[in-house]
PDB file of N, CA and C in Angstrom:
ATOM      1  N   MET A   1       0.842  -1.193   0.003  1.00  0.00           N
ATOM      2  CA  MET A   1      -0.001  -0.007  -0.007  1.00  0.00           C
ATOM      3  C   MET A   1       0.880   1.223   0.014  1.00  0.00           C
ATOM      4  N   SER A   2       0.350   2.250  -0.636  1.00  0.00           N
ATOM      5  CA  SER A   2       1.096   3.480  -0.641  1.00  0.00           C
ATOM      6  C   SER A   2       0.818   4.273   0.634  1.00  0.00           C
ATOM      7  N   VAL A   3       1.552   5.336   0.812  1.00  0.00           N
ATOM      8  CA  VAL A   3       1.411   6.192   1.971  1.00  0.00           C
ATOM      9  C   VAL A   3       0.048   6.864   1.892  1.00  0.00           C
ATOM     10  N   PHE A   4      -0.359   7.250   0.718  1.00  0.00           N
ATOM     11  CA  PHE A   4      -1.664   7.905   0.522  1.00  0.00           C
ATOM     12  C   PHE A   4      -2.797   6.941   0.934  1.00  0.00           C
ATOM     13  N   GLY A   5      -2.685   5.699   0.584  1.00  0.00           N
ATOM     14  CA  GLY A   5      -3.704   4.726   0.950  1.00  0.00           C
ATOM     15  C   GLY A   5      -3.771   4.508   2.469  1.00  0.00           C
ATOM     16  N   LEU A   6      -2.610   4.473   3.115  1.00  0.00           N
ATOM     17  CA  LEU A   6      -2.556   4.339   4.556  1.00  0.00           C
ATOM     18  C   LEU A   6      -3.191   5.550   5.251  1.00  0.00           C
ATOM     19  N   VAL A   7      -2.950   6.719   4.744  1.00  0.00           N
ATOM     20  CA  VAL A   7      -3.506   7.938   5.314  1.00  0.00           C
ATOM     21  C   VAL A   7      -5.037   7.929   5.161  1.00  0.00           C
ATOM     22  N   LEU A   8      -5.540   7.527   4.008  1.00  0.00           N
ATOM     23  CA  LEU A   8      -6.955   7.454   3.799  1.00  0.00           C
ATOM     24  C   LEU A   8      -7.619   6.398   4.724  1.00  0.00           C
ATOM     25  N   LEU A   9      -6.941   5.270   4.877  1.00  0.00           N
ATOM     26  CA  LEU A   9      -7.455   4.268   5.807  1.00  0.00           C
ATOM     27  C   LEU A   9      -7.508   4.727   7.224  1.00  0.00           C
ATOM     28  N   ALA A  10      -6.425   5.402   7.664  1.00  0.00           N
ATOM     29  CA  ALA A  10      -6.404   5.935   9.016  1.00  0.00           C
ATOM     30  C   ALA A  10      -7.479   6.997   9.203  1.00  0.00           C
ATOM     31  N   ALA A  11      -7.689   7.869   8.236  1.00  0.00           N
ATOM     32  CA  ALA A  11      -8.727   8.876   8.314  1.00  0.00           C
ATOM     33  C   ALA A  11     -10.106   8.249   8.398  1.00  0.00           C
ATOM     34  N   ALA A  12     -10.327   7.179   7.668  1.00  0.00           N
ATOM     35  CA  ALA A  12     -11.616   6.498   7.717  1.00  0.00           C
ATOM     36  C   ALA A  12     -11.851   5.877   9.102  1.00  0.00           C
ATOM     37  N   VAL A  13     -10.818   5.306   9.676  1.00  0.00           N
ATOM     38  CA  VAL A  13     -10.970   4.707  11.034  1.00  0.00           C
ATOM     39  C   VAL A  13     -11.250   5.791  12.043  1.00  0.00           C
ATOM     40  N   VAL A  14     -10.535   6.913  11.974  1.00  0.00           N
ATOM     41  CA  VAL A  14     -10.755   8.008  12.898  1.00  0.00           C
ATOM     42  C   VAL A  14     -12.155   8.588  12.726  1.00  0.00           C
ATOM     43  N   LEU A  15     -12.607   8.741  11.527  1.00  0.00           N
ATOM     44  CA  LEU A  15     -13.956   9.247  11.262  1.00  0.00           C
ATOM     45  C   LEU A  15     -15.027   8.316  11.790  1.00  0.00           C
ATOM     46  N   LEU A  16     -14.855   7.045  11.613  1.00  0.00           N
ATOM     47  CA  LEU A  16     -15.799   6.043  12.116  1.00  0.00           C
ATOM     48  C   LEU A  16     -15.823   6.070  13.634  1.00  0.00           C
ATOM     49  N   ALA A  17     -14.661   6.128  14.247  1.00  0.00           N
ATOM     50  CA  ALA A  17     -14.598   6.162  15.726  1.00  0.00           C
ATOM     51  C   ALA A  17     -15.248   7.428  16.267  1.00  0.00           C
ATOM     52  N   ALA A  18     -15.054   8.538  15.606  1.00  0.00           N
ATOM     53  CA  ALA A  18     -15.649   9.800  16.038  1.00  0.00           C
ATOM     54  C   ALA A  18     -17.183   9.764  15.894  1.00  0.00           C
ATOM     55  N   ALA A  19     -17.666   9.149  14.836  1.00  0.00           N
ATOM     56  CA  ALA A  19     -19.116   9.061  14.624  1.00  0.00           C
ATOM     57  C   ALA A  19     -19.762   8.122  15.621  1.00  0.00           C
ATOM     58  N   GLU A  20     -19.064   7.056  15.999  1.00  0.00           N
ATOM     59  CA  GLU A  20     -19.643   6.065  16.904  1.00  0.00           C
ATOM     60  C   GLU A  20     -19.215   6.286  18.365  1.00  0.00           C
ATOM     61  N   TRP A  21     -18.530   7.337  18.672  1.00  0.00           N
ATOM     62  CA  TRP A  21     -18.035   7.535  20.022  1.00  0.00           C
ATOM     63  C   TRP A  21     -19.131   7.592  21.075  1.00  0.00           C
ATOM     64  N   PRO A  22     -20.259   8.292  20.866  1.00  0.00           N
ATOM     65  CA  PRO A  22     -21.284   8.311  21.915  1.00  0.00           C
ATOM     66  C   PRO A  22     -21.794   6.916  22.253  1.00  0.00           C
ATOM     67  N   ARG A  23     -21.949   6.088  21.270  1.00  0.00           N
ATOM     68  CA  ARG A  23     -22.420   4.706  21.526  1.00  0.00           C
ATOM     69  C   ARG A  23     -21.323   3.889  22.199  1.00  0.00           C
ATOM     70  N   LEU A  24     -20.105   4.033  21.768  1.00  0.00           N
ATOM     71  CA  LEU A  24     -18.978   3.287  22.357  1.00  0.00           C
ATOM     72  C   LEU A  24     -18.737   3.731  23.780  1.00  0.00           C
ATOM     73  N   ALA A  25     -18.958   4.989  24.106  1.00  0.00           N
ATOM     74  CA  ALA A  25     -18.695   5.495  25.448  1.00  0.00           C
ATOM     75  C   ALA A  25     -19.657   4.937  26.464  1.00  0.00           C
ATOM     76  N   LYS A  26     -20.860   4.542  26.023  1.00  0.00           N
ATOM     77  CA  LYS A  26     -21.839   3.985  26.953  1.00  0.00           C
ATOM     78  C   LYS A  26     -21.455   2.564  27.401  1.00  0.00           C
ATOM     79  N   GLY A  27     -20.538   1.904  26.721  1.00  0.00           N
ATOM     80  CA  GLY A  27     -20.076   0.603  27.149  1.00  0.00           C
ATOM     81  C   GLY A  27     -20.747  -0.571  26.472  1.00  0.00           C
ATOM     82  N   ARG A  28     -21.658  -0.351  25.606  1.00  0.00           N
ATOM     83  CA  ARG A  28     -22.262  -1.479  24.872  1.00  0.00           C
ATOM     84  C   ARG A  28     -22.062  -1.243  23.375  1.00  0.00           C
ATOM     85  N   SER A  29     -21.773  -2.281  22.676  1.00  0.00           N
ATOM     86  CA  SER A  29     -21.419  -2.127  21.249  1.00  0.00           C
ATOM     87  C   SER A  29     -22.639  -2.106  20.372  1.00  0.00           C
ATOM     88  N   MET A  30     -23.743  -2.738  20.753  1.00  0.00           N
ATOM     89  CA  MET A  30     -24.921  -2.792  19.963  1.00  0.00           C
ATOM     90  C   MET A  30     -26.057  -2.099  20.674  1.00  0.00           C
ATOM     91  N   PRO A  31     -26.817  -1.266  20.028  1.00  0.00           N
ATOM     92  CA  PRO A  31     -27.938  -0.629  20.704  1.00  0.00           C
ATOM     93  C   PRO A  31     -29.022  -1.664  20.988  1.00  0.00           C
ATOM     94  N   LEU A  32     -29.675  -1.488  22.116  1.00  0.00           N
ATOM     95  CA  LEU A  32     -30.786  -2.393  22.473  1.00  0.00           C
ATOM     96  C   LEU A  32     -32.007  -2.012  21.666  1.00  0.00           C
ATOM     97  N   ARG A  33     -32.703  -3.000  21.144  1.00  0.00           N
ATOM     98  CA  ARG A  33     -33.901  -2.739  20.408  1.00  0.00           C
ATOM     99  C   ARG A  33     -35.086  -2.566  21.308  1.00  0.00           C
ATOM    100  N   ARG A  34     -35.851  -1.546  21.055  1.00  0.00           N
ATOM    101  CA  ARG A  34     -37.069  -1.370  21.823  1.00  0.00           C
ATOM    102  C   ARG A  34     -38.183  -2.180  21.173  1.00  0.00           C
ATOM    103  N   ARG A  35     -38.967  -2.857  21.987  1.00  0.00           N
ATOM    104  CA  ARG A  35     -40.069  -3.634  21.423  1.00  0.00           C
ATOM    105  C   ARG A  35     -41.218  -2.673  21.133  1.00  0.00           C
ATOM    106  N   ARG A  36     -41.748  -2.816  19.930  1.00  0.00           N
ATOM    107  CA  ARG A  36     -42.900  -2.026  19.529  1.00  0.00           C
ATOM    108  C   ARG A  36     -44.158  -2.751  19.921  1.00  0.00           C
ATOM    109  N   PRO A  37     -45.182  -1.985  20.304  1.00  0.00           N
ATOM    110  CA  PRO A  37     -46.437  -2.661  20.577  1.00  0.00           C
ATOM    111  C   PRO A  37     -47.023  -3.260  19.298  1.00  0.00           C
ATOM    112  N   PRO A  38     -47.676  -4.385  19.375  1.00  0.00           N
ATOM    113  CA  PRO A  38     -48.219  -5.000  18.145  1.00  0.00           C
ATOM    114  C   PRO A  38     -49.268  -4.090  17.533  1.00  0.00           C
ATOM    115  N   LYS A  39     -49.336  -4.126  16.221  1.00  0.00           N
ATOM    116  CA  LYS A  39     -50.336  -3.365  15.521  1.00  0.00           C
ATOM    117  C   LYS A  39     -51.703  -4.020  15.681  1.00  0.00           C
ATOM    118  N   ARG A  40     -52.668  -3.220  15.907  1.00  0.00           N
ATOM    119  CA  ARG A  40     -54.052  -3.746  16.165  1.00  0.00           C
ATOM    120  C   ARG A  40     -54.961  -3.410  15.016  1.00  0.00           C
ATOM    121  N   HIS A  41     -54.702  -3.963  13.834  1.00  0.00           N
ATOM    122  CA  HIS A  41     -55.522  -3.683  12.706  1.00  0.00           C
ATOM    123  C   HIS A  41     -56.474  -4.833  12.299  1.00  0.00           C
ATOM    124  N   LEU A  42     -56.446  -5.890  13.054  1.00  0.00           N
ATOM    125  CA  LEU A  42     -57.308  -7.025  12.769  1.00  0.00           C
ATOM    126  C   LEU A  42     -58.589  -6.929  13.619  1.00  0.00           C
ATOM    127  N   ARG A  43     -59.654  -7.422  13.076  1.00  0.00           N
ATOM    128  CA  ARG A  43     -60.907  -7.424  13.858  1.00  0.00           C
ATOM    129  C   ARG A  43     -61.591  -8.749  13.680  1.00  0.00           C
ATOM    130  N   VAL A  44     -62.413  -9.114  14.614  1.00  0.00           N
ATOM    131  CA  VAL A  44     -63.142 -10.380  14.560  1.00  0.00           C
ATOM    132  C   VAL A  44     -64.418 -10.157  13.782  1.00  0.00           C
ATOM    133  N   VAL A  45     -64.667 -11.020  12.835  1.00  0.00           N
ATOM    134  CA  VAL A  45     -65.926 -10.928  12.055  1.00  0.00           C
ATOM    135  C   VAL A  45     -66.820 -12.026  12.577  1.00  0.00           C
ATOM    136  N   GLU A  46     -67.993 -11.615  12.953  1.00  0.00           N
ATOM    137  CA  GLU A  46     -68.993 -12.610  13.431  1.00  0.00           C
ATOM    138  C   GLU A  46     -69.553 -13.361  12.238  1.00  0.00           C
ATOM    139  N   PRO A  47     -69.821 -14.619  12.402  1.00  0.00           N
ATOM    140  CA  PRO A  47     -70.387 -15.413  11.292  1.00  0.00           C
ATOM    141  C   PRO A  47     -71.791 -14.923  10.914  1.00  0.00           C
ATOM    142  N   GLU A  48     -72.084 -15.067   9.643  1.00  0.00           N
ATOM    143  CA  GLU A  48     -73.396 -14.677   9.170  1.00  0.00           C
ATOM    144  C   GLU A  48     -74.443 -15.682   9.650  1.00  0.00           C
ATOM    145  N   HIS A  49     -75.644 -15.180   9.862  1.00  0.00           N
ATOM    146  CA  HIS A  49     -76.733 -16.084  10.271  1.00  0.00           C
ATOM    147  C   HIS A  49     -77.313 -16.831   9.070  1.00  0.00           C
ATOM    148  N   ASP A  50     -77.230 -16.227   7.887  1.00  0.00           N
ATOM    149  CA  ASP A  50     -77.794 -16.819   6.700  1.00  0.00           C
ATOM    150  C   ASP A  50     -76.647 -17.214   5.762  1.00  0.00           C
ATOM    151  N   PRO A  51     -76.328 -18.513   5.644  1.00  0.00           N
ATOM    152  CA  PRO A  51     -75.209 -18.922   4.784  1.00  0.00           C
ATOM    153  C   PRO A  51     -75.455 -18.603   3.297  1.00  0.00           C
ATOM    154  N   GLU A  52     -76.703 -18.603   2.876  1.00  0.00           N
ATOM    155  CA  GLU A  52     -76.999 -18.263   1.471  1.00  0.00           C
ATOM    156  C   GLU A  52     -76.672 -16.810   1.180  1.00  0.00           C
ATOM    157  N   GLU A  53     -76.992 -15.927   2.137  1.00  0.00           N
ATOM    158  CA  GLU A  53     -76.697 -14.511   1.956  1.00  0.00           C
ATOM    159  C   GLU A  53     -75.182 -14.308   1.876  1.00  0.00           C
ATOM    160  N   PHE A  54     -74.445 -15.044   2.678  1.00  0.00           N
ATOM    161  CA  PHE A  54     -72.973 -14.939   2.636  1.00  0.00           C
ATOM    162  C   PHE A  54     -72.460 -15.408   1.267  1.00  0.00           C
ATOM    163  N   GLN A  55     -73.002 -16.500   0.770  1.00  0.00           N
ATOM    164  CA  GLN A  55     -72.574 -17.007  -0.531  1.00  0.00           C
ATOM    165  C   GLN A  55     -72.908 -15.987  -1.626  1.00  0.00           C
ATOM    166  N   ARG A  56     -74.080 -15.389  -1.549  1.00  0.00           N
ATOM    167  CA  ARG A  56     -74.446 -14.394  -2.573  1.00  0.00           C
ATOM    168  C   ARG A  56     -73.555 -13.168  -2.503  1.00  0.00           C
ATOM    169  N   SER A  57     -73.180 -12.764  -1.286  1.00  0.00           N
ATOM    170  CA  SER A  57     -72.301 -11.574  -1.189  1.00  0.00           C
ATOM    171  C   SER A  57     -70.882 -11.898  -1.714  1.00  0.00           C
ATOM    172  N   VAL A  58     -70.408 -13.127  -1.492  1.00  0.00           N
ATOM    173  CA  VAL A  58     -69.107 -13.505  -2.029  1.00  0.00           C
ATOM    174  C   VAL A  58     -69.157 -13.536  -3.546  1.00  0.00           C
ATOM    175  N   GLU A  59     -70.179 -14.137  -4.105  1.00  0.00           N
ATOM    176  CA  GLU A  59     -70.323 -14.182  -5.548  1.00  0.00           C
ATOM    177  C   GLU A  59     -70.426 -12.756  -6.143  1.00  0.00           C
ATOM    178  N   ARG A  60     -71.156 -11.873  -5.447  1.00  0.00           N
ATOM    179  CA  ARG A  60     -71.278 -10.511  -5.916  1.00  0.00           C
ATOM    180  C   ARG A  60     -69.925  -9.797  -5.881  1.00  0.00           C
ATOM    181  N   ASP A  61     -69.163 -10.023  -4.816  1.00  0.00           N
ATOM    182  CA  ASP A  61     -67.851  -9.393  -4.710  1.00  0.00           C
ATOM    183  C   ASP A  61     -66.903  -9.932  -5.795  1.00  0.00           C
ATOM    184  N   LEU A  62     -66.967 -11.239  -6.038  1.00  0.00           N
ATOM    185  CA  LEU A  62     -66.104 -11.811  -7.089  1.00  0.00           C
ATOM    186  C   LEU A  62     -66.484 -11.329  -8.465  1.00  0.00           C
ATOM    187  N   ALA A  63     -67.774 -11.096  -8.697  1.00  0.00           N
ATOM    188  CA  ALA A  63     -68.179 -10.605  -9.999  1.00  0.00           C
ATOM    189  C   ALA A  63     -67.743  -9.149 -10.213  1.00  0.00           C
ATOM    190  N   ASN A  64     -67.555  -8.399  -9.139  1.00  0.00           N
ATOM    191  CA  ASN A  64     -67.158  -6.997  -9.250  1.00  0.00           C
ATOM    192  C   ASN A  64     -65.652  -6.803  -9.294  1.00  0.00           C
ATOM    193  N   LEU A  65     -64.869  -7.881  -9.139  1.00  0.00           N
ATOM    194  CA  LEU A  65     -63.433  -7.742  -9.194  1.00  0.00           C
ATOM    195  C   LEU A  65     -62.973  -7.415 -10.597  1.00  0.00           C
ATOM    196  N   PRO A  66     -61.929  -6.580 -10.759  1.00  0.00           N
ATOM    197  CA  PRO A  66     -61.425  -6.347 -12.090  1.00  0.00           C
ATOM    198  C   PRO A  66     -60.717  -7.589 -12.604  1.00  0.00           C
ATOM    199  N   THR A  67     -60.736  -7.805 -13.867  1.00  0.00           N
ATOM    200  CA  THR A  67     -60.122  -8.978 -14.470  1.00  0.00           C
ATOM    201  C   THR A  67     -59.007  -8.537 -15.411  1.00  0.00           C
ATOM    202  N   TYR A  68     -58.141  -9.480 -15.708  1.00  0.00           N
ATOM    203  CA  TYR A  68     -57.035  -9.227 -16.637  1.00  0.00           C
ATOM    204  C   TYR A  68     -57.041 -10.304 -17.678  1.00  0.00           C
ATOM    205  N   ASP A  69     -57.136  -9.876 -18.915  1.00  0.00           N
ATOM    206  CA  ASP A  69     -57.084 -10.813 -20.060  1.00  0.00           C
ATOM    207  C   ASP A  69     -55.871 -10.450 -20.908  1.00  0.00           C
ATOM    208  N   PRO A  70     -54.838 -11.287 -20.890  1.00  0.00           N
ATOM    209  CA  PRO A  70     -53.628 -10.910 -21.662  1.00  0.00           C
ATOM    210  C   PRO A  70     -53.848 -10.888 -23.148  1.00  0.00           C
ATOM    211  N   ARG A  71     -54.913 -11.529 -23.630  1.00  0.00           N
ATOM    212  CA  ARG A  71     -55.197 -11.548 -25.058  1.00  0.00           C
ATOM    213  C   ARG A  71     -55.995 -10.343 -25.522  1.00  0.00           C
ATOM    214  N   ALA A  72     -56.551  -9.595 -24.577  1.00  0.00           N
ATOM    215  CA  ALA A  72     -57.358  -8.428 -24.947  1.00  0.00           C
ATOM    216  C   ALA A  72     -56.471  -7.348 -25.562  1.00  0.00           C
ATOM    217  N   LYS A  73     -57.049  -6.562 -26.460  1.00  0.00           N
ATOM    218  CA  LYS A  73     -56.302  -5.510 -27.091  1.00  0.00           C
ATOM    219  C   LYS A  73     -56.138  -4.335 -26.087  1.00  0.00           C
ATOM    220  N   ARG A  74     -54.947  -3.758 -26.137  1.00  0.00           N
ATOM    221  CA  ARG A  74     -54.670  -2.657 -25.206  1.00  0.00           C
ATOM    222  C   ARG A  74     -55.262  -1.374 -25.760  1.00  0.00           C
ATOM    223  N   ARG A  75     -55.752  -0.558 -24.846  1.00  0.00           N
ATOM    224  CA  ARG A  75     -56.241   0.755 -25.223  1.00  0.00           C
ATOM    225  C   ARG A  75     -55.207   1.802 -24.754  1.00  0.00           C
ATOM    226  N   ASP A  76     -54.545   2.422 -25.704  1.00  0.00           N
ATOM    227  CA  ASP A  76     -53.491   3.414 -25.335  1.00  0.00           C
ATOM    228  C   ASP A  76     -54.025   4.792 -25.398  1.00  0.00           C
TER     229      ASP A  76
END
């Protein structure tokens, strides 16, 4: 290695040590992870009383879904 390479390497080590000094001064090398509370976006769905109504609603929802036909002509 050249002298210039050694100077750059030493500067990088000094810069890294200066940037990480507050964490290194505390005596632990890795920060402790804080546990996040679990996200509460799920809800319980009560079963339908009429199974035929449920089936009709599923069929209606499926009929309203957009479809993709790769053979269809593109509209630009």
